[in-house]
């Protein structure tokens, strides 16, 4: 092969190498562009989600503030034990429902007949309900240090890695730790109990029918009459207490309120939260948050 041909062949090889190199560089740039595009897209989505969450939190807080204002603006005697209202806050909408915790059975204050009555109303047999109520009473009852407590022995016999608290329930979910109560019963009971009312009685005006049915001495016929009469705006609420026998029944409210706030964002996304607040009679703050459950991500804040 002559020198000219060799030079032409070498030039062709060099050109081929350059073309391949350029193609590899273009492919690398395309990959980098795709990575960058993915990053930008994910960042934009994250920013949008975070912005919605911040807006939702702001609207929920606005709903709590509005509810607290409505409640504290009236003296305790005239304060409503339940209510609902809607409001527009900026470009968002807020729907608020508030109800005194007296509508629920207090795990720390309720006597045995009320605890067992609630379970019976929820389908637990009349034989088992008092036994389960005893388990709750034993969990919350104090004991002297070093005292041989039968309930402690019961937990040791079951092989439990803990003993009863022998102190008030800090939150309702601790009911899951009480041994001797079936999980199905605990699940049924939790929507109707609280640890925040600090009352032995339940409010007849606001309590769920299941709670009213659990009052000692309540019969099916009497239950229907109470539910019918409490819907009459002209009836003296105090008459309901007499109708229900007066035992563990009241029309008074608690200083703790359960506030449900449903919000609609400007983006039309919806969110909700359930908060328990305690109205304060003095101090710089009108209320204190006791419990918070945010339905956006299912997170639950433990009581403070």
C-alpha atoms as a PDB file:
ATOM      1  CA  UNK A   1       0.000   0.000   0.000  1.00  0.00           C
ATOM      2  CA  UNK A   2       1.338   3.374  -0.987  1.00  0.00           C
ATOM      3  CA  UNK A   3       1.955   6.111   1.604  1.00  0.00           C
ATOM      4  CA  UNK A   4      -0.968   8.204   0.313  1.00  0.00           C
ATOM      5  CA  UNK A   5      -3.402   5.324   0.790  1.00  0.00           C
ATOM      6  CA  UNK A   6      -2.088   4.648   4.260  1.00  0.00           C
ATOM      7  CA  UNK A   7      -2.557   8.279   5.157  1.00  0.00           C
ATOM      8  CA  UNK A   8      -6.157   8.207   3.851  1.00  0.00           C
ATOM      9  CA  UNK A   9      -6.929   5.024   5.816  1.00  0.00           C
ATOM     10  CA  UNK A  10      -5.478   6.516   8.983  1.00  0.00           C
ATOM     11  CA  UNK A  11      -7.527   9.664   8.484  1.00  0.00           C
ATOM     12  CA  UNK A  12     -10.689   7.598   8.058  1.00  0.00           C
ATOM     13  CA  UNK A  13      -9.948   5.715  11.292  1.00  0.00           C
ATOM     14  CA  UNK A  14      -9.400   8.981  13.135  1.00  0.00           C
ATOM     15  CA  UNK A  15     -12.695  10.351  11.803  1.00  0.00           C
ATOM     16  CA  UNK A  16     -14.495   7.171  12.887  1.00  0.00           C
ATOM     17  CA  UNK A  17     -13.038   7.454  16.372  1.00  0.00           C
ATOM     18  CA  UNK A  18     -14.088  11.094  16.610  1.00  0.00           C
ATOM     19  CA  UNK A  19     -17.662  10.235  15.525  1.00  0.00           C
ATOM     20  CA  UNK A  20     -17.899   7.485  18.151  1.00  0.00           C
ATOM     21  CA  UNK A  21     -16.524   9.817  20.821  1.00  0.00           C
ATOM     22  CA  UNK A  22     -19.022  12.512  19.877  1.00  0.00           C
ATOM     23  CA  UNK A  23     -21.877  10.007  20.013  1.00  0.00           C
ATOM     24  CA  UNK A  24     -20.769   8.894  23.500  1.00  0.00           C
ATOM     25  CA  UNK A  25     -20.634  12.519  24.638  1.00  0.00           C
ATOM     26  CA  UNK A  26     -24.105  13.197  23.234  1.00  0.00           C
ATOM     27  CA  UNK A  27     -25.444  10.088  24.990  1.00  0.00           C
ATOM     28  CA  UNK A  28     -23.841  11.212  28.265  1.00  0.00           C
ATOM     29  CA  UNK A  29     -25.310  14.705  27.910  1.00  0.00           C
ATOM     30  CA  UNK A  30     -28.727  13.216  27.181  1.00  0.00           C
ATOM     31  CA  UNK A  31     -28.470  11.076  30.325  1.00  0.00           C
ATOM     32  CA  UNK A  32     -27.450  14.097  32.396  1.00  0.00           C
ATOM     33  CA  UNK A  33     -30.350  16.090  30.941  1.00  0.00           C
ATOM     34  CA  UNK A  34     -32.770  13.279  31.835  1.00  0.00           C
ATOM     35  CA  UNK A  35     -31.395  13.105  35.370  1.00  0.00           C
ATOM     36  CA  UNK A  36     -31.699  16.868  35.747  1.00  0.00           C
ATOM     37  CA  UNK A  37     -35.240  16.856  34.360  1.00  0.00           C
ATOM     38  CA  UNK A  38     -36.231  14.096  36.802  1.00  0.00           C
ATOM     39  CA  UNK A  39     -34.655  16.046  39.686  1.00  0.00           C
ATOM     40  CA  UNK A  40     -36.448  19.255  38.736  1.00  0.00           C
ATOM     41  CA  UNK A  41     -39.773  17.438  38.370  1.00  0.00           C
ATOM     42  CA  UNK A  42     -39.431  15.671  41.730  1.00  0.00           C
ATOM     43  CA  UNK A  43     -38.357  18.910  43.397  1.00  0.00           C
ATOM     44  CA  UNK A  44     -41.364  20.725  41.969  1.00  0.00           C
ATOM     45  CA  UNK A  45     -43.698  17.985  43.223  1.00  0.00           C
ATOM     46  CA  UNK A  46     -42.059  18.040  46.652  1.00  0.00           C
ATOM     47  CA  UNK A  47     -42.338  21.814  46.866  1.00  0.00           C
ATOM     48  CA  UNK A  48     -46.010  21.669  45.846  1.00  0.00           C
ATOM     49  CA  UNK A  49     -46.788  18.985  48.432  1.00  0.00           C
ATOM     50  CA  UNK A  50     -44.933  20.869  51.149  1.00  0.00           C
ATOM     51  CA  UNK A  51     -46.711  24.079  50.215  1.00  0.00           C
ATOM     52  CA  UNK A  52     -50.096  22.342  50.453  1.00  0.00           C
ATOM     53  CA  UNK A  53     -49.155  20.855  53.795  1.00  0.00           C
ATOM     54  CA  UNK A  54     -48.087  24.235  55.156  1.00  0.00           C
ATOM     55  CA  UNK A  55     -51.329  25.788  53.930  1.00  0.00           C
ATOM     56  CA  UNK A  56     -53.350  22.947  55.460  1.00  0.00           C
ATOM     57  CA  UNK A  57     -51.598  23.373  58.811  1.00  0.00           C
ATOM     58  CA  UNK A  58     -52.264  27.116  58.727  1.00  0.00           C
ATOM     59  CA  UNK A  59     -55.960  26.582  57.970  1.00  0.00           C
ATOM     60  CA  UNK A  60     -56.315  23.961  60.720  1.00  0.00           C
ATOM     61  CA  UNK A  61     -54.714  26.324  63.212  1.00  0.00           C
ATOM     62  CA  UNK A  62     -57.077  29.057  62.075  1.00  0.00           C
ATOM     63  CA  UNK A  63     -60.019  26.719  62.677  1.00  0.00           C
ATOM     64  CA  UNK A  64     -58.793  25.950  66.206  1.00  0.00           C
ATOM     65  CA  UNK A  65     -58.334  29.648  66.970  1.00  0.00           C
ATOM     66  CA  UNK A  66     -61.824  30.462  65.714  1.00  0.00           C
ATOM     67  CA  UNK A  67     -63.361  27.663  67.792  1.00  0.00           C
ATOM     68  CA  UNK A  68     -61.468  28.722  70.912  1.00  0.00           C
ATOM     69  CA  UNK A  69     -62.559  32.314  70.398  1.00  0.00           C
ATOM     70  CA  UNK A  70     -66.216  31.316  70.062  1.00  0.00           C
ATOM     71  CA  UNK A  71     -66.006  29.296  73.265  1.00  0.00           C
ATOM     72  CA  UNK A  72     -64.010  31.690  75.431  1.00  0.00           C
ATOM     73  CA  UNK A  73     -65.989  34.725  74.276  1.00  0.00           C
ATOM     74  CA  UNK A  74     -68.894  33.483  76.438  1.00  0.00           C
ATOM     75  CA  UNK A  75     -68.875  32.861  80.151  1.00  0.00           C
ATOM     76  CA  UNK A  76     -68.792  29.262  81.296  1.00  0.00           C
ATOM     77  CA  UNK A  77     -72.482  29.141  82.198  1.00  0.00           C
ATOM     78  CA  UNK A  78     -73.558  30.210  78.699  1.00  0.00           C
ATOM     79  CA  UNK A  79     -70.852  28.340  76.823  1.00  0.00           C
ATOM     80  CA  UNK A  80     -72.178  25.841  74.244  1.00  0.00           C
ATOM     81  CA  UNK A  81     -71.149  22.217  74.722  1.00  0.00           C
ATOM     82  CA  UNK A  82     -71.194  21.541  70.987  1.00  0.00           C
ATOM     83  CA  UNK A  83     -71.523  23.331  67.704  1.00  0.00           C
ATOM     84  CA  UNK A  84     -70.389  23.700  64.111  1.00  0.00           C
ATOM     85  CA  UNK A  85     -69.507  26.548  61.783  1.00  0.00           C
ATOM     86  CA  UNK A  86     -67.890  27.300  58.409  1.00  0.00           C
ATOM     87  CA  UNK A  87     -65.472  30.077  57.544  1.00  0.00           C
ATOM     88  CA  UNK A  88     -63.389  31.321  54.643  1.00  0.00           C
ATOM     89  CA  UNK A  89     -59.773  31.960  55.563  1.00  0.00           C
ATOM     90  CA  UNK A  90     -57.893  33.646  52.741  1.00  0.00           C
ATOM     91  CA  UNK A  91     -58.432  31.523  49.653  1.00  0.00           C
ATOM     92  CA  UNK A  92     -59.190  28.420  51.713  1.00  0.00           C
ATOM     93  CA  UNK A  93     -62.307  27.103  53.411  1.00  0.00           C
ATOM     94  CA  UNK A  94     -62.621  25.792  56.955  1.00  0.00           C
ATOM     95  CA  UNK A  95     -65.383  23.640  58.459  1.00  0.00           C
ATOM     96  CA  UNK A  96     -65.248  23.219  62.233  1.00  0.00           C
ATOM     97  CA  UNK A  97     -67.165  20.954  64.620  1.00  0.00           C
ATOM     98  CA  UNK A  98     -66.549  21.159  68.352  1.00  0.00           C
ATOM     99  CA  UNK A  99     -67.904  19.003  71.152  1.00  0.00           C
ATOM    100  CA  UNK A 100     -67.230  18.886  74.874  1.00  0.00           C
ATOM    101  CA  UNK A 101     -65.274  15.831  76.025  1.00  0.00           C
ATOM    102  CA  UNK A 102     -68.098  15.284  78.515  1.00  0.00           C
ATOM    103  CA  UNK A 103     -69.826  13.514  75.619  1.00  0.00           C
ATOM    104  CA  UNK A 104     -67.403  10.626  76.179  1.00  0.00           C
ATOM    105  CA  UNK A 105     -66.779   8.259  79.079  1.00  0.00           C
ATOM    106  CA  UNK A 106     -63.645   9.256  80.990  1.00  0.00           C
ATOM    107  CA  UNK A 107     -61.402   6.223  81.538  1.00  0.00           C
ATOM    108  CA  UNK A 108     -59.881   7.849  84.623  1.00  0.00           C
ATOM    109  CA  UNK A 109     -63.090   9.025  86.300  1.00  0.00           C
ATOM    110  CA  UNK A 110     -65.938   6.742  85.245  1.00  0.00           C
ATOM    111  CA  UNK A 111     -67.207   4.316  87.895  1.00  0.00           C
ATOM    112  CA  UNK A 112     -67.474   0.621  87.197  1.00  0.00           C
ATOM    113  CA  UNK A 113     -71.217   0.631  86.310  1.00  0.00           C
ATOM    114  CA  UNK A 114     -70.651   3.238  83.602  1.00  0.00           C
ATOM    115  CA  UNK A 115     -67.638   1.433  82.132  1.00  0.00           C
ATOM    116  CA  UNK A 116     -69.373  -1.935  82.088  1.00  0.00           C
ATOM    117  CA  UNK A 117     -72.601  -0.343  80.839  1.00  0.00           C
ATOM    118  CA  UNK A 118     -70.800   1.164  77.851  1.00  0.00           C
ATOM    119  CA  UNK A 119     -69.296  -2.197  76.961  1.00  0.00           C
ATOM    120  CA  UNK A 120     -72.671  -3.899  77.280  1.00  0.00           C
ATOM    121  CA  UNK A 121     -74.194  -1.262  74.981  1.00  0.00           C
ATOM    122  CA  UNK A 122     -71.439  -2.070  72.485  1.00  0.00           C
ATOM    123  CA  UNK A 123     -72.299  -5.767  72.420  1.00  0.00           C
ATOM    124  CA  UNK A 124     -70.194  -7.228  75.246  1.00  0.00           C
ATOM    125  CA  UNK A 125     -72.031  -9.830  77.305  1.00  0.00           C
ATOM    126  CA  UNK A 126     -73.409  -8.807  80.704  1.00  0.00           C
ATOM    127  CA  UNK A 127     -71.110 -11.424  82.255  1.00  0.00           C
ATOM    128  CA  UNK A 128     -67.864 -10.234  80.667  1.00  0.00           C
ATOM    129  CA  UNK A 129     -68.424  -6.448  80.791  1.00  0.00           C
ATOM    130  CA  UNK A 130     -67.959  -6.097  84.607  1.00  0.00           C
ATOM    131  CA  UNK A 131     -64.789  -8.198  84.422  1.00  0.00           C
ATOM    132  CA  UNK A 132     -63.335  -5.941  81.722  1.00  0.00           C
ATOM    133  CA  UNK A 133     -64.349  -2.873  83.746  1.00  0.00           C
ATOM    134  CA  UNK A 134     -62.437  -4.290  86.723  1.00  0.00           C
ATOM    135  CA  UNK A 135     -59.334  -4.576  84.516  1.00  0.00           C
ATOM    136  CA  UNK A 136     -59.584  -0.849  83.724  1.00  0.00           C
ATOM    137  CA  UNK A 137     -60.111   0.105  87.369  1.00  0.00           C
ATOM    138  CA  UNK A 138     -57.149  -2.019  88.431  1.00  0.00           C
ATOM    139  CA  UNK A 139     -54.916  -0.436  85.779  1.00  0.00           C
ATOM    140  CA  UNK A 140     -55.638   3.115  86.968  1.00  0.00           C
ATOM    141  CA  UNK A 141     -55.824   2.432  90.724  1.00  0.00           C
ATOM    142  CA  UNK A 142     -52.836   3.527  92.776  1.00  0.00           C
ATOM    143  CA  UNK A 143     -50.934   1.106  94.975  1.00  0.00           C
ATOM    144  CA  UNK A 144     -48.440   1.449  97.796  1.00  0.00           C
ATOM    145  CA  UNK A 145     -44.772   0.814  96.917  1.00  0.00           C
ATOM    146  CA  UNK A 146     -43.786  -2.737  97.778  1.00  0.00           C
ATOM    147  CA  UNK A 147     -47.410  -3.790  98.267  1.00  0.00           C
ATOM    148  CA  UNK A 148     -48.303  -7.228  96.890  1.00  0.00           C
ATOM    149  CA  UNK A 149     -50.927  -6.286  94.309  1.00  0.00           C
ATOM    150  CA  UNK A 150     -53.117  -9.032  92.800  1.00  0.00           C
ATOM    151  CA  UNK A 151     -53.239  -7.213  89.472  1.00  0.00           C
ATOM    152  CA  UNK A 152     -49.436  -7.221  89.263  1.00  0.00           C
ATOM    153  CA  UNK A 153     -49.464 -10.964  89.895  1.00  0.00           C
ATOM    154  CA  UNK A 154     -52.078 -11.374  87.154  1.00  0.00           C
ATOM    155  CA  UNK A 155     -49.808  -9.634  84.624  1.00  0.00           C
ATOM    156  CA  UNK A 156     -46.797 -11.686  85.704  1.00  0.00           C
ATOM    157  CA  UNK A 157     -48.808 -14.873  85.296  1.00  0.00           C
ATOM    158  CA  UNK A 158     -49.687 -13.832  81.747  1.00  0.00           C
ATOM    159  CA  UNK A 159     -46.008 -13.198  81.030  1.00  0.00           C
ATOM    160  CA  UNK A 160     -46.564  -9.520  80.254  1.00  0.00           C
ATOM    161  CA  UNK A 161     -43.329  -7.494  79.932  1.00  0.00           C
ATOM    162  CA  UNK A 162     -44.890  -4.696  82.010  1.00  0.00           C
ATOM    163  CA  UNK A 163     -47.144  -4.146  85.015  1.00  0.00           C
ATOM    164  CA  UNK A 164     -50.279  -1.988  85.317  1.00  0.00           C
ATOM    165  CA  UNK A 165     -49.617   1.742  85.486  1.00  0.00           C
ATOM    166  CA  UNK A 166     -51.456   2.193  88.823  1.00  0.00           C
ATOM    167  CA  UNK A 167     -52.034   5.782  87.761  1.00  0.00           C
ATOM    168  CA  UNK A 168     -54.409   7.639  85.422  1.00  0.00           C
ATOM    169  CA  UNK A 169     -54.418   6.789  81.729  1.00  0.00           C
ATOM    170  CA  UNK A 170     -52.335   9.472  79.938  1.00  0.00           C
ATOM    171  CA  UNK A 171     -54.219   8.796  76.697  1.00  0.00           C
ATOM    172  CA  UNK A 172     -57.079   6.554  75.605  1.00  0.00           C
ATOM    173  CA  UNK A 173     -54.890   4.374  73.374  1.00  0.00           C
ATOM    174  CA  UNK A 174     -53.198   2.986  76.482  1.00  0.00           C
ATOM    175  CA  UNK A 175     -56.312   0.855  76.823  1.00  0.00           C
ATOM    176  CA  UNK A 176     -54.584  -1.480  74.342  1.00  0.00           C
ATOM    177  CA  UNK A 177     -52.083  -2.353  77.093  1.00  0.00           C
ATOM    178  CA  UNK A 178     -54.707  -3.461  79.613  1.00  0.00           C
ATOM    179  CA  UNK A 179     -54.562  -7.252  79.704  1.00  0.00           C
ATOM    180  CA  UNK A 180     -57.706  -9.344  79.910  1.00  0.00           C
ATOM    181  CA  UNK A 181     -59.757  -7.214  77.494  1.00  0.00           C
ATOM    182  CA  UNK A 182     -60.110  -8.645  73.959  1.00  0.00           C
ATOM    183  CA  UNK A 183     -58.728  -6.482  71.178  1.00  0.00           C
ATOM    184  CA  UNK A 184     -62.130  -6.416  69.459  1.00  0.00           C
ATOM    185  CA  UNK A 185     -63.671  -4.881  72.582  1.00  0.00           C
ATOM    186  CA  UNK A 186     -60.929  -2.262  72.883  1.00  0.00           C
ATOM    187  CA  UNK A 187     -61.450  -1.300  69.241  1.00  0.00           C
ATOM    188  CA  UNK A 188     -65.184  -0.848  69.813  1.00  0.00           C
ATOM    189  CA  UNK A 189     -64.729   1.161  73.011  1.00  0.00           C
ATOM    190  CA  UNK A 190     -62.051   3.670  71.916  1.00  0.00           C
ATOM    191  CA  UNK A 191     -64.333   5.984  69.847  1.00  0.00           C
ATOM    192  CA  UNK A 192     -66.482   6.592  72.937  1.00  0.00           C
ATOM    193  CA  UNK A 193     -63.916   7.181  75.701  1.00  0.00           C
ATOM    194  CA  UNK A 194     -61.569   9.975  76.704  1.00  0.00           C
ATOM    195  CA  UNK A 195     -59.051  10.897  79.392  1.00  0.00           C
ATOM    196  CA  UNK A 196     -59.691  14.637  79.197  1.00  0.00           C
ATOM    197  CA  UNK A 197     -63.187  15.364  80.535  1.00  0.00           C
ATOM    198  CA  UNK A 198     -62.225  14.877  84.198  1.00  0.00           C
ATOM    199  CA  UNK A 199     -65.899  14.075  84.884  1.00  0.00           C
ATOM    200  CA  UNK A 200     -67.665  11.026  86.301  1.00  0.00           C
ATOM    201  CA  UNK A 201     -70.786  11.830  84.276  1.00  0.00           C
ATOM    202  CA  UNK A 202     -71.503  12.114  80.546  1.00  0.00           C
ATOM    203  CA  UNK A 203     -73.391  14.879  78.787  1.00  0.00           C
ATOM    204  CA  UNK A 204     -76.813  13.643  77.681  1.00  0.00           C
ATOM    205  CA  UNK A 205     -77.146  16.352  75.035  1.00  0.00           C
ATOM    206  CA  UNK A 206     -73.974  15.505  73.141  1.00  0.00           C
ATOM    207  CA  UNK A 207     -73.160  11.874  73.927  1.00  0.00           C
ATOM    208  CA  UNK A 208     -73.457   9.263  71.194  1.00  0.00           C
ATOM    209  CA  UNK A 209     -76.485   6.958  71.521  1.00  0.00           C
ATOM    210  CA  UNK A 210     -74.128   4.105  72.473  1.00  0.00           C
ATOM    211  CA  UNK A 211     -72.840   6.147  75.426  1.00  0.00           C
ATOM    212  CA  UNK A 212     -76.340   7.103  76.560  1.00  0.00           C
ATOM    213  CA  UNK A 213     -77.359   3.442  76.284  1.00  0.00           C
ATOM    214  CA  UNK A 214     -74.529   2.559  78.669  1.00  0.00           C
ATOM    215  CA  UNK A 215     -75.825   4.708  81.529  1.00  0.00           C
ATOM    216  CA  UNK A 216     -76.767   2.642  84.591  1.00  0.00           C
ATOM    217  CA  UNK A 217     -80.471   1.827  84.601  1.00  0.00           C
ATOM    218  CA  UNK A 218     -80.978   2.768  80.951  1.00  0.00           C
ATOM    219  CA  UNK A 219     -83.555   0.632  79.117  1.00  0.00           C
ATOM    220  CA  UNK A 220     -84.286   0.510  75.365  1.00  0.00           C
ATOM    221  CA  UNK A 221     -87.559   2.386  75.836  1.00  0.00           C
ATOM    222  CA  UNK A 222     -85.994   5.036  78.043  1.00  0.00           C
ATOM    223  CA  UNK A 223     -83.129   5.421  75.594  1.00  0.00           C
ATOM    224  CA  UNK A 224     -85.525   6.185  72.745  1.00  0.00           C
ATOM    225  CA  UNK A 225     -87.315   8.759  74.896  1.00  0.00           C
ATOM    226  CA  UNK A 226     -84.065  10.484  75.897  1.00  0.00           C
ATOM    227  CA  UNK A 227     -82.873  10.627  72.285  1.00  0.00           C
ATOM    228  CA  UNK A 228     -86.240  11.972  71.157  1.00  0.00           C
ATOM    229  CA  UNK A 229     -86.551  14.565  73.937  1.00  0.00           C
ATOM    230  CA  UNK A 230     -83.016  15.923  73.602  1.00  0.00           C
ATOM    231  CA  UNK A 231     -83.787  16.868  69.996  1.00  0.00           C
ATOM    232  CA  UNK A 232     -86.633  19.118  71.204  1.00  0.00           C
ATOM    233  CA  UNK A 233     -85.286  22.705  71.404  1.00  0.00           C
ATOM    234  CA  UNK A 234     -88.140  23.706  73.718  1.00  0.00           C
ATOM    235  CA  UNK A 235     -87.374  21.080  76.362  1.00  0.00           C
ATOM    236  CA  UNK A 236     -85.548  22.115  79.528  1.00  0.00           C
ATOM    237  CA  UNK A 237     -82.257  20.199  79.274  1.00  0.00           C
ATOM    238  CA  UNK A 238     -82.246  19.589  83.026  1.00  0.00           C
ATOM    239  CA  UNK A 239     -85.350  17.461  82.598  1.00  0.00           C
ATOM    240  CA  UNK A 240     -83.231  14.960  80.688  1.00  0.00           C
ATOM    241  CA  UNK A 241     -81.088  14.345  83.753  1.00  0.00           C
ATOM    242  CA  UNK A 242     -84.150  13.455  85.790  1.00  0.00           C
ATOM    243  CA  UNK A 243     -85.449  11.284  82.973  1.00  0.00           C
ATOM    244  CA  UNK A 244     -82.158   9.361  82.871  1.00  0.00           C
ATOM    245  CA  UNK A 245     -82.163   8.880  86.602  1.00  0.00           C
ATOM    246  CA  UNK A 246     -79.430  11.402  87.332  1.00  0.00           C
ATOM    247  CA  UNK A 247     -76.749   8.731  87.856  1.00  0.00           C
ATOM    248  CA  UNK A 248     -73.654   9.609  85.824  1.00  0.00           C
ATOM    249  CA  UNK A 249     -75.758  11.868  83.586  1.00  0.00           C
ATOM    250  CA  UNK A 250     -75.416  15.632  83.197  1.00  0.00           C
ATOM    251  CA  UNK A 251     -76.020  18.473  80.752  1.00  0.00           C
ATOM    252  CA  UNK A 252     -72.859  20.267  81.840  1.00  0.00           C
ATOM    253  CA  UNK A 253     -69.812  20.457  79.631  1.00  0.00           C
ATOM    254  CA  UNK A 254     -66.140  19.916  80.219  1.00  0.00           C
ATOM    255  CA  UNK A 255     -63.385  22.480  79.808  1.00  0.00           C
ATOM    256  CA  UNK A 256     -61.840  20.105  77.283  1.00  0.00           C
ATOM    257  CA  UNK A 257     -63.254  20.175  73.753  1.00  0.00           C
ATOM    258  CA  UNK A 258     -62.677  17.901  70.773  1.00  0.00           C
ATOM    259  CA  UNK A 259     -62.384  20.069  67.672  1.00  0.00           C
ATOM    260  CA  UNK A 260     -62.614  18.549  64.189  1.00  0.00           C
ATOM    261  CA  UNK A 261     -61.330  20.846  61.450  1.00  0.00           C
ATOM    262  CA  UNK A 262     -61.881  20.032  57.778  1.00  0.00           C
ATOM    263  CA  UNK A 263     -60.119  22.315  55.286  1.00  0.00           C
ATOM    264  CA  UNK A 264     -60.197  22.840  51.531  1.00  0.00           C
ATOM    265  CA  UNK A 265     -57.072  24.370  50.013  1.00  0.00           C
ATOM    266  CA  UNK A 266     -57.025  26.780  47.065  1.00  0.00           C
ATOM    267  CA  UNK A 267     -55.737  23.812  45.045  1.00  0.00           C
ATOM    268  CA  UNK A 268     -59.000  22.038  46.024  1.00  0.00           C
ATOM    269  CA  UNK A 269     -57.113  19.442  48.049  1.00  0.00           C
ATOM    270  CA  UNK A 270     -58.916  18.486  51.244  1.00  0.00           C
ATOM    271  CA  UNK A 271     -57.528  17.665  54.656  1.00  0.00           C
ATOM    272  CA  UNK A 272     -58.767  17.304  58.220  1.00  0.00           C
ATOM    273  CA  UNK A 273     -57.498  17.096  61.766  1.00  0.00           C
ATOM    274  CA  UNK A 274     -58.946  16.223  65.159  1.00  0.00           C
ATOM    275  CA  UNK A 275     -57.614  18.203  68.102  1.00  0.00           C
ATOM    276  CA  UNK A 276     -58.493  18.187  71.794  1.00  0.00           C
ATOM    277  CA  UNK A 277     -58.028  21.551  73.497  1.00  0.00           C
ATOM    278  CA  UNK A 278     -58.352  22.611  77.128  1.00  0.00           C
ATOM    279  CA  UNK A 279     -59.859  26.041  77.722  1.00  0.00           C
ATOM    280  CA  UNK A 280     -57.823  28.032  80.225  1.00  0.00           C
ATOM    281  CA  UNK A 281     -59.368  30.518  82.600  1.00  0.00           C
ATOM    282  CA  UNK A 282     -56.204  32.537  83.138  1.00  0.00           C
ATOM    283  CA  UNK A 283     -52.796  33.149  81.604  1.00  0.00           C
ATOM    284  CA  UNK A 284     -51.634  34.557  78.302  1.00  0.00           C
ATOM    285  CA  UNK A 285     -53.053  31.708  76.199  1.00  0.00           C
ATOM    286  CA  UNK A 286     -56.811  31.019  75.970  1.00  0.00           C
ATOM    287  CA  UNK A 287     -56.326  27.279  75.473  1.00  0.00           C
ATOM    288  CA  UNK A 288     -53.814  24.439  75.464  1.00  0.00           C
ATOM    289  CA  UNK A 289     -53.591  21.583  72.966  1.00  0.00           C
ATOM    290  CA  UNK A 290     -53.951  18.191  74.664  1.00  0.00           C
ATOM    291  CA  UNK A 291     -54.011  15.905  71.641  1.00  0.00           C
ATOM    292  CA  UNK A 292     -53.649  16.248  67.872  1.00  0.00           C
ATOM    293  CA  UNK A 293     -54.439  13.809  65.092  1.00  0.00           C
ATOM    294  CA  UNK A 294     -53.715  14.925  61.557  1.00  0.00           C
ATOM    295  CA  UNK A 295     -55.630  12.993  58.903  1.00  0.00           C
ATOM    296  CA  UNK A 296     -53.372  14.141  56.031  1.00  0.00           C
ATOM    297  CA  UNK A 297     -50.690  11.589  56.775  1.00  0.00           C
ATOM    298  CA  UNK A 298     -52.352   9.623  59.562  1.00  0.00           C
ATOM    299  CA  UNK A 299     -49.869  10.862  62.128  1.00  0.00           C
ATOM    300  CA  UNK A 300     -51.049  11.093  65.702  1.00  0.00           C
ATOM    301  CA  UNK A 301     -49.539  13.402  68.241  1.00  0.00           C
ATOM    302  CA  UNK A 302     -49.378  12.053  71.769  1.00  0.00           C
ATOM    303  CA  UNK A 303     -51.174  14.077  74.425  1.00  0.00           C
ATOM    304  CA  UNK A 304     -49.008  16.791  75.950  1.00  0.00           C
END
